[in-house]
Amino acid sequence: MYRIVARLWRMVRPWQWRIMWLAHAKFTVGVTGVVRDRQGRVLLLRHRMWPRDRCWGLPTGHAARGEDFPGTVVREVKEETGLDVVTGQLVMLNSGFRLRVEVAYEAELTGGTLKIDSFEILEAGWFDPDALPEALMPVHRELIHRRVAV
């Protein structure tokens, strides 16, 4: 029986990825950037659509189809703030959510001019890791203090 299944699987080689796609769960990937400047401050955004008690957070967005996750950080930071960053080390990979996987990278400011996307973002600022806003997302607070070398 196993040999028959293996033979059939080899026969459908051109369609294997399509079959696997149909047979498995589909996820969106939320990508977060822990963006720091040369002074070690972290970039935080006050998000318009987040709950008021957790409205401050790191730059975050969803990966587009075919986009690599470090590229998502670069794109999202640019879209939300006008700033340029280079991504560093992966600092979080979290699954187990219903339809979402979460990924976070350290990132370093390289340039640009701060200009927020007022549709999504109400305010942006650079914060010392020891003086973070009260209404910061708890998981983002953990990411900020989990610092690794960029």
Protein backbone atom coordinates (compact mmCIF):
# COMPACT_ATOMS: atom_id res chain seq x y z
CA MET A 1 0.00 0.00 0.00
CA TYR A 2 2.76 2.48 0.97
CA ARG A 3 4.62 1.75 -2.27
CA ILE A 4 1.51 2.55 -4.29
CA VAL A 5 1.03 5.86 -2.46
CA ALA A 6 4.72 6.72 -2.95
CA ARG A 7 4.51 5.89 -6.66
CA LEU A 8 1.38 8.03 -7.08
CA TRP A 9 3.05 10.90 -5.23
CA ARG A 10 6.06 10.77 -7.56
CA MET A 11 3.72 10.70 -10.56
CA VAL A 12 2.06 13.98 -9.52
CA ARG A 13 5.39 15.77 -8.99
CA PRO A 14 4.40 18.81 -11.12
CA TRP A 15 1.33 19.31 -8.92
CA GLN A 16 2.75 18.38 -5.51
CA TRP A 17 2.94 21.97 -4.23
CA ARG A 18 -0.63 22.67 -5.30
CA ILE A 19 -1.84 19.52 -3.58
CA MET A 20 0.10 20.40 -0.41
CA TRP A 21 -1.35 23.93 -0.51
CA LEU A 22 -4.90 22.57 -0.72
CA ALA A 23 -4.31 20.04 2.05
CA HIS A 24 -2.76 22.36 4.65
CA ALA A 25 -3.77 25.34 6.75
CA LYS A 26 -3.34 28.88 5.39
CA PHE A 27 -1.86 31.61 7.57
CA THR A 28 -1.23 35.31 7.43
CA VAL A 29 2.14 36.38 8.77
CA GLY A 30 2.34 39.39 11.06
CA VAL A 31 5.80 40.93 10.98
CA THR A 32 7.18 43.33 13.60
CA GLY A 33 10.33 45.45 13.62
CA VAL A 34 12.15 46.36 16.83
CA VAL A 35 13.67 49.51 15.34
CA ARG A 36 16.49 51.16 17.27
CA ASP A 37 18.52 54.29 16.61
CA ARG A 38 22.23 54.80 17.34
CA GLN A 39 21.43 55.96 20.90
CA GLY A 40 19.63 52.67 21.64
CA ARG A 41 16.17 54.24 21.67
CA VAL A 42 13.31 52.27 20.19
CA LEU A 43 10.76 53.53 17.66
CA LEU A 44 7.16 53.26 18.91
CA LEU A 45 3.94 54.14 17.14
CA ARG A 46 0.54 55.00 18.55
CA HIS A 47 -1.75 52.96 16.32
CA ARG A 48 -5.17 54.33 15.40
CA MET A 49 -6.95 50.97 15.16
CA TRP A 50 -5.51 49.24 18.21
CA PRO A 51 -7.29 49.12 21.61
CA ARG A 52 -6.80 52.32 23.64
CA ASP A 53 -5.18 50.50 26.56
CA ARG A 54 -2.61 48.93 24.16
CA CYS A 55 -2.36 51.58 21.42
CA TRP A 56 1.43 51.98 21.50
CA GLY A 57 3.54 49.41 19.71
CA LEU A 58 6.35 48.63 17.37
CA PRO A 59 6.01 49.01 13.60
CA THR A 60 3.94 46.03 12.50
CA GLY A 61 2.28 44.75 9.36
CA HIS A 62 1.46 41.70 7.29
CA ALA A 63 3.76 40.05 4.78
CA ALA A 64 2.61 40.38 1.20
CA ARG A 65 2.48 37.32 -1.04
CA GLY A 66 6.01 36.46 -2.16
CA GLU A 67 7.65 38.98 0.19
CA ASP A 68 10.41 37.87 2.55
CA PHE A 69 9.91 38.81 6.19
CA PRO A 70 12.91 41.14 6.56
CA GLY A 71 11.60 42.94 3.47
CA THR A 72 8.22 43.28 5.16
CA VAL A 73 9.85 45.11 8.09
CA VAL A 74 11.63 47.50 5.73
CA ARG A 75 8.42 48.16 3.75
CA GLU A 76 6.15 48.59 6.77
CA VAL A 77 8.51 50.99 8.56
CA LYS A 78 8.84 53.05 5.38
CA GLU A 79 5.05 53.10 4.78
CA GLU A 80 4.15 53.96 8.38
CA THR A 81 6.95 56.41 9.21
CA GLY A 82 8.98 57.37 6.13
CA LEU A 83 12.11 56.00 7.84
CA ASP A 84 14.67 53.63 6.33
CA VAL A 85 15.89 50.60 8.25
CA VAL A 86 18.05 47.56 7.78
CA THR A 87 16.87 44.37 9.44
CA GLY A 88 19.00 42.31 11.75
CA GLN A 89 18.47 39.16 13.74
CA LEU A 90 15.20 37.27 14.03
CA VAL A 91 14.03 37.75 17.65
CA MET A 92 10.65 36.01 17.64
CA LEU A 93 8.79 33.34 15.72
CA ASN A 94 5.43 32.54 17.28
CA SER A 95 2.72 30.23 16.04
CA GLY A 96 -0.30 28.51 17.50
CA PHE A 97 -2.73 31.27 16.64
CA ARG A 98 -5.82 30.39 14.67
CA LEU A 99 -4.82 31.87 11.29
CA ARG A 100 -1.69 33.88 12.06
CA VAL A 101 2.02 33.42 12.58
CA GLU A 102 4.04 36.23 14.17
CA VAL A 103 7.63 37.11 13.31
CA ALA A 104 9.83 39.89 14.73
CA TYR A 105 13.25 41.20 13.74
CA GLU A 106 15.67 43.65 15.26
CA ALA A 107 16.17 46.60 12.89
CA GLU A 108 18.46 49.60 12.81
CA LEU A 109 17.59 53.09 11.61
CA THR A 110 19.64 54.06 8.55
CA GLY A 111 17.94 57.25 7.36
CA GLY A 112 14.78 58.90 6.13
CA THR A 113 12.61 61.63 7.57
CA LEU A 114 9.90 60.87 10.11
CA LYS A 115 6.51 61.41 8.48
CA ILE A 116 3.71 59.25 9.83
CA ASP A 117 0.94 57.64 7.80
CA SER A 118 -1.99 59.38 9.50
CA PHE A 119 -4.46 56.74 8.34
CA GLU A 120 -2.89 54.07 10.56
CA ILE A 121 -0.64 56.00 12.93
CA LEU A 122 -1.56 58.81 15.33
CA GLU A 123 1.89 59.52 16.72
CA ALA A 124 5.47 58.25 16.57
CA GLY A 125 8.39 58.70 18.91
CA TRP A 126 11.76 57.42 20.04
CA PHE A 127 11.75 55.97 23.55
CA ASP A 128 14.42 54.85 25.95
CA PRO A 129 13.81 51.15 26.75
CA ASP A 130 13.56 52.10 30.44
CA ALA A 131 10.89 54.78 29.81
CA LEU A 132 8.24 53.11 27.66
CA PRO A 133 4.61 54.29 27.43
CA GLU A 134 2.12 52.70 29.80
CA ALA A 135 -0.23 51.67 26.95
CA LEU A 136 2.43 49.57 25.18
CA MET A 137 1.50 46.13 23.86
CA PRO A 138 2.89 43.64 26.44
CA VAL A 139 4.51 41.40 23.82
CA HIS A 140 6.22 44.45 22.31
CA ARG A 141 7.58 45.43 25.75
CA GLU A 142 9.09 41.93 25.99
CA LEU A 143 10.62 42.21 22.51
CA ILE A 144 12.22 45.55 23.36
CA HIS A 145 13.85 44.13 26.50
CA ARG A 146 14.92 40.92 24.75
CA ARG A 147 17.61 42.89 22.95
CA VAL A 148 20.09 41.06 20.78
CA ALA A 149 22.97 42.45 18.76
CA VAL A 150 21.97 43.77 15.35
